[in-house]
Amino acid sequence: MTIKRSFAVLCFILPCALAQAASHDAVPAPSPVVGDSWTYQYTDVWKGAKGNINRMEVAAIDDAGVHVAIKRAASGALISTQLFTPEMNPVERGGMHFAPSFTRYVFPLAPGAEWSNEVVGDNSKAGKQWRYAIKGKVVDWEKVRVPAGEFEALKIVVEAQYADVNDASKIGGKLSETVWFVPTLSNYVKLEYQDADAQGRLYSRDSWELMSYTHKSAPPLAGR
């Protein structure tokens, strides 16, 4: 009886394990479409204070990339516009223009995947140009709960040391992002951010958690 019972349990568990493994294949690049939106609660972790709830809405997609309108969730008032690559890597955000982009993701994504590269960040209003040495790693699949619900996400950690674009000895600081990316939503459901000065002293800690989302289907392919 013990052998039969163990065999029966094994037969039950094995298909479930195989199904789970199949669901964790390498994740291809996202496919956002116009009308997709993600609403996030911002929190200043440093102060322990919740801030604005804003909605990211895909307004257009063209050769330049994915154009996103940032709006107040309650009023719909437009705050700013941001540009992302088709892979949803930031090109323009918060007054900073990244060339070619801030490499938050390198697809396909799978646990253990790593990448490193250098990009230039230009904040023309502040008169600052930084060279970012980026290192990213996919940690693993992880269940994460946010106001929008519970999701199975890929946990990704990205670190970047930045220095004066013309003098690498002038270190500006080091930032890190921990991102929980959900492939079916083409975006993250949670992002934790922190920034430190050249001496390693933290001066900024923030987080964004998904409140709600709209994910529209991609248009059907034209017949051949």
C-alpha atoms as a PDB file:
ATOM      1  CA  MET A   1       0.000   0.000   0.000  1.00  0.00           C
ATOM      2  CA  THR A   2       2.814   2.366   0.844  1.00  0.00           C
ATOM      3  CA  ILE A   3       4.459   1.795  -2.531  1.00  0.00           C
ATOM      4  CA  LYS A   4       1.210   2.262  -4.419  1.00  0.00           C
ATOM      5  CA  ARG A   5       0.345   5.377  -2.463  1.00  0.00           C
ATOM      6  CA  SER A   6       3.793   6.874  -3.048  1.00  0.00           C
ATOM      7  CA  PHE A   7       3.575   6.065  -6.747  1.00  0.00           C
ATOM      8  CA  ALA A   8       0.140   7.676  -6.950  1.00  0.00           C
ATOM      9  CA  VAL A   9       1.402  10.803  -5.206  1.00  0.00           C
ATOM     10  CA  LEU A  10       4.400  10.926  -7.544  1.00  0.00           C
ATOM     11  CA  CYS A  11       2.146  10.639 -10.582  1.00  0.00           C
ATOM     12  CA  PHE A  12       0.073  13.511  -9.223  1.00  0.00           C
ATOM     13  CA  ILE A  13       3.013  15.771  -8.395  1.00  0.00           C
ATOM     14  CA  LEU A  14       5.079  15.167 -11.525  1.00  0.00           C
ATOM     15  CA  PRO A  15       2.596  16.631 -14.043  1.00  0.00           C
ATOM     16  CA  CYS A  16       2.143  19.661 -11.789  1.00  0.00           C
ATOM     17  CA  ALA A  17       5.879  20.138 -11.552  1.00  0.00           C
ATOM     18  CA  LEU A  18       6.262  19.776 -15.305  1.00  0.00           C
ATOM     19  CA  ALA A  19       3.449  22.252 -15.901  1.00  0.00           C
ATOM     20  CA  GLN A  20       5.082  24.720 -13.514  1.00  0.00           C
ATOM     21  CA  ALA A  21       8.424  24.304 -15.232  1.00  0.00           C
ATOM     22  CA  ALA A  22       6.810  24.833 -18.621  1.00  0.00           C
ATOM     23  CA  SER A  23       5.282  28.094 -17.407  1.00  0.00           C
ATOM     24  CA  HIS A  24       8.766  29.329 -16.530  1.00  0.00           C
ATOM     25  CA  ASP A  25      10.275  29.277 -19.971  1.00  0.00           C
ATOM     26  CA  ALA A  26      12.467  32.215 -20.938  1.00  0.00           C
ATOM     27  CA  VAL A  27      10.338  35.340 -21.233  1.00  0.00           C
ATOM     28  CA  PRO A  28      10.340  37.128 -24.622  1.00  0.00           C
ATOM     29  CA  ALA A  29      10.174  40.888 -25.064  1.00  0.00           C
ATOM     30  CA  PRO A  30       6.837  42.491 -24.123  1.00  0.00           C
ATOM     31  CA  SER A  31       4.292  43.655 -26.660  1.00  0.00           C
ATOM     32  CA  PRO A  32       2.597  46.795 -25.315  1.00  0.00           C
ATOM     33  CA  VAL A  33      -0.176  48.316 -27.403  1.00  0.00           C
ATOM     34  CA  VAL A  34      -1.833  51.724 -27.486  1.00  0.00           C
ATOM     35  CA  GLY A  35      -4.321  51.939 -24.635  1.00  0.00           C
ATOM     36  CA  ASP A  36      -2.374  49.784 -22.208  1.00  0.00           C
ATOM     37  CA  SER A  37      -2.141  51.435 -18.810  1.00  0.00           C
ATOM     38  CA  TRP A  38      -0.678  50.799 -15.382  1.00  0.00           C
ATOM     39  CA  THR A  39      -1.681  52.764 -12.284  1.00  0.00           C
ATOM     40  CA  TYR A  40       0.872  52.956  -9.467  1.00  0.00           C
ATOM     41  CA  GLN A  41       0.914  54.104  -5.869  1.00  0.00           C
ATOM     42  CA  TYR A  42       4.104  56.021  -5.178  1.00  0.00           C
ATOM     43  CA  THR A  43       5.632  55.839  -1.694  1.00  0.00           C
ATOM     44  CA  ASP A  44       8.529  57.811  -0.275  1.00  0.00           C
ATOM     45  CA  VAL A  45      10.030  54.943   1.717  1.00  0.00           C
ATOM     46  CA  TRP A  46      12.578  57.234   3.322  1.00  0.00           C
ATOM     47  CA  LYS A  47       9.802  59.306   4.924  1.00  0.00           C
ATOM     48  CA  GLY A  48       7.283  56.471   5.170  1.00  0.00           C
ATOM     49  CA  ALA A  49       4.737  58.600   3.306  1.00  0.00           C
ATOM     50  CA  LYS A  50       2.459  57.669   0.428  1.00  0.00           C
ATOM     51  CA  GLY A  51       2.453  60.090  -2.464  1.00  0.00           C
ATOM     52  CA  ASN A  52       0.507  60.500  -5.687  1.00  0.00           C
ATOM     53  CA  ILE A  53      -1.258  57.752  -7.585  1.00  0.00           C
ATOM     54  CA  ASN A  54      -0.360  58.121 -11.250  1.00  0.00           C
ATOM     55  CA  ARG A  55      -1.314  56.247 -14.390  1.00  0.00           C
ATOM     56  CA  MET A  56       1.126  55.312 -17.157  1.00  0.00           C
ATOM     57  CA  GLU A  57      -0.798  55.119 -20.421  1.00  0.00           C
ATOM     58  CA  VAL A  58       0.568  54.050 -23.808  1.00  0.00           C
ATOM     59  CA  ALA A  59      -0.357  56.945 -26.081  1.00  0.00           C
ATOM     60  CA  ALA A  60       1.517  55.984 -29.262  1.00  0.00           C
ATOM     61  CA  ILE A  61       4.037  53.533 -30.655  1.00  0.00           C
ATOM     62  CA  ASP A  62       6.309  54.451 -33.559  1.00  0.00           C
ATOM     63  CA  ASP A  63       9.881  54.083 -34.772  1.00  0.00           C
ATOM     64  CA  ALA A  64      11.120  56.173 -31.831  1.00  0.00           C
ATOM     65  CA  GLY A  65       9.608  53.756 -29.331  1.00  0.00           C
ATOM     66  CA  VAL A  66       6.703  53.560 -26.892  1.00  0.00           C
ATOM     67  CA  HIS A  67       5.305  56.973 -25.948  1.00  0.00           C
ATOM     68  CA  VAL A  68       3.747  56.974 -22.489  1.00  0.00           C
ATOM     69  CA  ALA A  69       1.557  59.685 -20.960  1.00  0.00           C
ATOM     70  CA  ILE A  70       1.861  60.075 -17.183  1.00  0.00           C
ATOM     71  CA  LYS A  71      -1.454  61.214 -15.724  1.00  0.00           C
ATOM     72  CA  ARG A  72      -3.009  61.756 -12.327  1.00  0.00           C
ATOM     73  CA  ALA A  73      -5.173  58.721 -11.699  1.00  0.00           C
ATOM     74  CA  ALA A  74      -8.011  60.688 -10.104  1.00  0.00           C
ATOM     75  CA  SER A  75      -8.316  63.623 -12.507  1.00  0.00           C
ATOM     76  CA  GLY A  76      -6.660  62.347 -15.670  1.00  0.00           C
ATOM     77  CA  ALA A  77      -4.535  65.501 -15.761  1.00  0.00           C
ATOM     78  CA  LEU A  78      -1.401  65.083 -17.868  1.00  0.00           C
ATOM     79  CA  ILE A  79       1.790  65.426 -15.836  1.00  0.00           C
ATOM     80  CA  SER A  80       4.465  64.501 -18.350  1.00  0.00           C
ATOM     81  CA  THR A  81       5.329  62.217 -21.231  1.00  0.00           C
ATOM     82  CA  GLN A  82       8.018  59.543 -21.240  1.00  0.00           C
ATOM     83  CA  LEU A  83       9.637  57.468 -23.941  1.00  0.00           C
ATOM     84  CA  PHE A  84      10.516  53.783 -23.709  1.00  0.00           C
ATOM     85  CA  THR A  85      12.080  51.286 -26.078  1.00  0.00           C
ATOM     86  CA  PRO A  86       9.809  48.505 -27.415  1.00  0.00           C
ATOM     87  CA  GLU A  87      11.247  46.394 -24.542  1.00  0.00           C
ATOM     88  CA  MET A  88      10.009  49.035 -22.041  1.00  0.00           C
ATOM     89  CA  ASN A  89      13.475  50.288 -21.153  1.00  0.00           C
ATOM     90  CA  PRO A  90      13.385  54.004 -20.245  1.00  0.00           C
ATOM     91  CA  VAL A  91      14.754  56.465 -22.811  1.00  0.00           C
ATOM     92  CA  GLU A  92      13.292  59.661 -21.338  1.00  0.00           C
ATOM     93  CA  ARG A  93      12.102  59.946 -17.758  1.00  0.00           C
ATOM     94  CA  GLY A  94      12.153  62.595 -15.066  1.00  0.00           C
ATOM     95  CA  GLY A  95      14.063  65.127 -17.170  1.00  0.00           C
ATOM     96  CA  MET A  96      16.764  62.591 -18.023  1.00  0.00           C
ATOM     97  CA  HIS A  97      17.437  61.347 -21.547  1.00  0.00           C
ATOM     98  CA  PHE A  98      19.276  58.036 -21.776  1.00  0.00           C
ATOM     99  CA  ALA A  99      21.287  57.033 -24.829  1.00  0.00           C
ATOM    100  CA  PRO A 100      20.520  54.484 -25.993  1.00  0.00           C
ATOM    101  CA  SER A 101      18.303  53.578 -22.971  1.00  0.00           C
ATOM    102  CA  PHE A 102      18.481  52.669 -19.281  1.00  0.00           C
ATOM    103  CA  THR A 103      18.860  48.904 -19.557  1.00  0.00           C
ATOM    104  CA  ARG A 104      16.340  47.641 -17.031  1.00  0.00           C
ATOM    105  CA  TYR A 105      15.616  44.527 -19.095  1.00  0.00           C
ATOM    106  CA  VAL A 106      17.507  42.414 -21.625  1.00  0.00           C
ATOM    107  CA  PHE A 107      15.262  39.841 -23.269  1.00  0.00           C
ATOM    108  CA  PRO A 108      14.729  36.962 -23.190  1.00  0.00           C
ATOM    109  CA  LEU A 109      14.545  36.983 -19.396  1.00  0.00           C
ATOM    110  CA  ALA A 110      15.224  33.880 -17.316  1.00  0.00           C
ATOM    111  CA  PRO A 111      16.506  33.277 -13.779  1.00  0.00           C
ATOM    112  CA  GLY A 112      20.262  33.683 -13.636  1.00  0.00           C
ATOM    113  CA  ALA A 113      20.496  35.901 -16.718  1.00  0.00           C
ATOM    114  CA  GLU A 114      22.922  38.816 -16.308  1.00  0.00           C
ATOM    115  CA  TRP A 115      23.952  41.805 -18.379  1.00  0.00           C
ATOM    116  CA  SER A 116      26.167  44.859 -18.179  1.00  0.00           C
ATOM    117  CA  ASN A 117      26.608  47.917 -20.355  1.00  0.00           C
ATOM    118  CA  GLU A 118      27.219  51.646 -20.283  1.00  0.00           C
ATOM    119  CA  VAL A 119      24.769  54.384 -21.207  1.00  0.00           C
ATOM    120  CA  VAL A 120      24.841  58.172 -21.053  1.00  0.00           C
ATOM    121  CA  GLY A 121      22.227  60.116 -19.137  1.00  0.00           C
ATOM    122  CA  ASP A 122      21.720  63.764 -20.111  1.00  0.00           C
ATOM    123  CA  ASN A 123      19.744  66.166 -17.935  1.00  0.00           C
ATOM    124  CA  SER A 124      19.938  69.344 -19.999  1.00  0.00           C
ATOM    125  CA  LYS A 125      17.884  71.420 -17.547  1.00  0.00           C
ATOM    126  CA  ALA A 126      20.238  70.604 -14.690  1.00  0.00           C
ATOM    127  CA  GLY A 127      23.288  70.853 -16.943  1.00  0.00           C
ATOM    128  CA  LYS A 128      24.390  67.353 -15.938  1.00  0.00           C
ATOM    129  CA  GLN A 129      25.688  64.460 -18.007  1.00  0.00           C
ATOM    130  CA  TRP A 130      26.395  61.119 -16.383  1.00  0.00           C
ATOM    131  CA  ARG A 131      27.842  57.869 -17.649  1.00  0.00           C
ATOM    132  CA  TYR A 132      26.019  54.925 -16.113  1.00  0.00           C
ATOM    133  CA  ALA A 133      27.773  51.562 -15.678  1.00  0.00           C
ATOM    134  CA  ILE A 134      24.801  49.223 -15.452  1.00  0.00           C
ATOM    135  CA  LYS A 135      24.720  45.672 -14.119  1.00  0.00           C
ATOM    136  CA  GLY A 136      21.498  43.694 -14.154  1.00  0.00           C
ATOM    137  CA  LYS A 137      20.494  40.236 -12.984  1.00  0.00           C
ATOM    138  CA  VAL A 138      17.306  38.160 -13.036  1.00  0.00           C
ATOM    139  CA  VAL A 139      17.086  36.654  -9.550  1.00  0.00           C
ATOM    140  CA  ASP A 140      14.169  34.221  -9.858  1.00  0.00           C
ATOM    141  CA  TRP A 141      10.436  33.845 -10.139  1.00  0.00           C
ATOM    142  CA  GLU A 142       8.673  35.155  -7.054  1.00  0.00           C
ATOM    143  CA  LYS A 143       5.099  35.670  -5.915  1.00  0.00           C
ATOM    144  CA  VAL A 144       4.445  39.271  -4.998  1.00  0.00           C
ATOM    145  CA  ARG A 145       1.313  40.896  -3.610  1.00  0.00           C
ATOM    146  CA  VAL A 146       0.420  44.491  -4.461  1.00  0.00           C
ATOM    147  CA  PRO A 147      -2.881  46.413  -4.295  1.00  0.00           C
ATOM    148  CA  ALA A 148      -3.797  45.118  -7.788  1.00  0.00           C
ATOM    149  CA  GLY A 149      -3.528  41.496  -6.593  1.00  0.00           C
ATOM    150  CA  GLU A 150      -1.030  38.674  -6.323  1.00  0.00           C
ATOM    151  CA  PHE A 151       1.242  37.965  -9.277  1.00  0.00           C
ATOM    152  CA  GLU A 152       3.998  35.579 -10.218  1.00  0.00           C
ATOM    153  CA  ALA A 153       6.816  37.830 -11.322  1.00  0.00           C
ATOM    154  CA  LEU A 154      10.439  37.776 -12.312  1.00  0.00           C
ATOM    155  CA  LYS A 155      12.497  39.566  -9.675  1.00  0.00           C
ATOM    156  CA  ILE A 156      15.196  41.672 -11.327  1.00  0.00           C
ATOM    157  CA  VAL A 157      17.930  43.702  -9.647  1.00  0.00           C
ATOM    158  CA  VAL A 158      19.645  46.497 -11.576  1.00  0.00           C
ATOM    159  CA  GLU A 159      22.548  48.512 -10.168  1.00  0.00           C
ATOM    160  CA  ALA A 160      24.237  51.464 -11.815  1.00  0.00           C
ATOM    161  CA  GLN A 161      27.203  53.545 -10.743  1.00  0.00           C
ATOM    162  CA  TYR A 162      27.250  56.910 -12.441  1.00  0.00           C
ATOM    163  CA  ALA A 163      30.072  59.373 -12.964  1.00  0.00           C
ATOM    164  CA  ASP A 164      30.778  62.557 -14.890  1.00  0.00           C
ATOM    165  CA  VAL A 165      30.642  61.733 -18.585  1.00  0.00           C
ATOM    166  CA  ASN A 166      33.982  63.461 -19.196  1.00  0.00           C
ATOM    167  CA  ASP A 167      35.779  62.420 -15.991  1.00  0.00           C
ATOM    168  CA  ALA A 168      35.191  58.939 -14.601  1.00  0.00           C
ATOM    169  CA  SER A 169      36.978  59.872 -11.363  1.00  0.00           C
ATOM    170  CA  LYS A 170      34.102  62.239 -10.499  1.00  0.00           C
ATOM    171  CA  ILE A 171      31.677  59.664  -9.124  1.00  0.00           C
ATOM    172  CA  GLY A 172      28.128  60.925  -8.815  1.00  0.00           C
ATOM    173  CA  GLY A 173      26.683  57.998  -6.915  1.00  0.00           C
ATOM    174  CA  LYS A 174      25.114  54.590  -7.232  1.00  0.00           C
ATOM    175  CA  LEU A 175      21.474  53.679  -7.752  1.00  0.00           C
ATOM    176  CA  SER A 176      19.670  50.392  -7.604  1.00  0.00           C
ATOM    177  CA  GLU A 177      16.293  49.168  -8.782  1.00  0.00           C
ATOM    178  CA  THR A 178      14.548  45.986  -7.709  1.00  0.00           C
ATOM    179  CA  VAL A 179      11.786  45.226 -10.180  1.00  0.00           C
ATOM    180  CA  TRP A 180       9.072  42.577 -10.184  1.00  0.00           C
ATOM    181  CA  PHE A 181       8.196  42.123 -13.869  1.00  0.00           C
ATOM    182  CA  VAL A 182       5.017  40.297 -14.939  1.00  0.00           C
ATOM    183  CA  PRO A 183       5.221  39.156 -18.582  1.00  0.00           C
ATOM    184  CA  THR A 184       1.458  39.025 -19.142  1.00  0.00           C
ATOM    185  CA  LEU A 185       1.175  42.698 -18.161  1.00  0.00           C
ATOM    186  CA  SER A 186       4.212  43.868 -20.192  1.00  0.00           C
ATOM    187  CA  ASN A 187       5.418  45.813 -17.170  1.00  0.00           C
ATOM    188  CA  TYR A 188       6.395  45.663 -13.533  1.00  0.00           C
ATOM    189  CA  VAL A 189       3.945  45.375 -10.655  1.00  0.00           C
ATOM    190  CA  LYS A 190       6.425  46.635  -8.082  1.00  0.00           C
ATOM    191  CA  LEU A 191       9.589  48.715  -8.230  1.00  0.00           C
ATOM    192  CA  GLU A 192      11.873  49.622  -5.335  1.00  0.00           C
ATOM    193  CA  TYR A 193      14.444  52.353  -5.971  1.00  0.00           C
ATOM    194  CA  GLN A 194      17.290  53.742  -3.928  1.00  0.00           C
ATOM    195  CA  ASP A 195      20.077  56.197  -4.631  1.00  0.00           C
ATOM    196  CA  ALA A 196      23.316  56.847  -2.775  1.00  0.00           C
ATOM    197  CA  ASP A 197      25.991  59.501  -3.066  1.00  0.00           C
ATOM    198  CA  ALA A 198      29.627  58.911  -3.967  1.00  0.00           C
ATOM    199  CA  GLN A 199      30.384  57.950  -0.347  1.00  0.00           C
ATOM    200  CA  GLY A 200      27.629  55.329  -0.330  1.00  0.00           C
ATOM    201  CA  ARG A 201      25.249  57.310   1.869  1.00  0.00           C
ATOM    202  CA  LEU A 202      21.631  56.681   0.970  1.00  0.00           C
ATOM    203  CA  TYR A 203      19.590  59.794   0.306  1.00  0.00           C
ATOM    204  CA  SER A 204      16.602  58.471  -1.636  1.00  0.00           C
ATOM    205  CA  ARG A 205      14.354  55.422  -1.239  1.00  0.00           C
ATOM    206  CA  ASP A 206      11.120  55.109  -3.198  1.00  0.00           C
ATOM    207  CA  SER A 207       8.669  52.451  -4.304  1.00  0.00           C
ATOM    208  CA  TRP A 208       5.848  52.043  -6.805  1.00  0.00           C
ATOM    209  CA  GLU A 209       3.135  49.386  -6.496  1.00  0.00           C
ATOM    210  CA  LEU A 210       0.513  48.521  -9.097  1.00  0.00           C
ATOM    211  CA  MET A 211      -3.033  49.569  -8.165  1.00  0.00           C
ATOM    212  CA  SER A 212      -4.798  48.622 -11.398  1.00  0.00           C
ATOM    213  CA  TYR A 213      -4.070  47.994 -15.060  1.00  0.00           C
ATOM    214  CA  THR A 214      -5.567  47.744 -18.527  1.00  0.00           C
ATOM    215  CA  HIS A 215      -3.867  45.375 -20.936  1.00  0.00           C
ATOM    216  CA  LYS A 216      -5.387  45.374 -24.411  1.00  0.00           C
ATOM    217  CA  SER A 217      -4.897  42.602 -26.947  1.00  0.00           C
ATOM    218  CA  ALA A 218      -2.503  43.179 -29.793  1.00  0.00           C
ATOM    219  CA  PRO A 219      -4.224  43.629 -33.170  1.00  0.00           C
ATOM    220  CA  PRO A 220      -4.404  40.454 -35.306  1.00  0.00           C
ATOM    221  CA  LEU A 221      -1.725  39.950 -37.935  1.00  0.00           C
ATOM    222  CA  ALA A 222      -2.738  40.745 -41.473  1.00  0.00           C
ATOM    223  CA  GLY A 223      -3.387  37.733 -43.677  1.00  0.00           C
ATOM    224  CA  ARG A 224      -0.597  36.649 -45.972  1.00  0.00           C
END
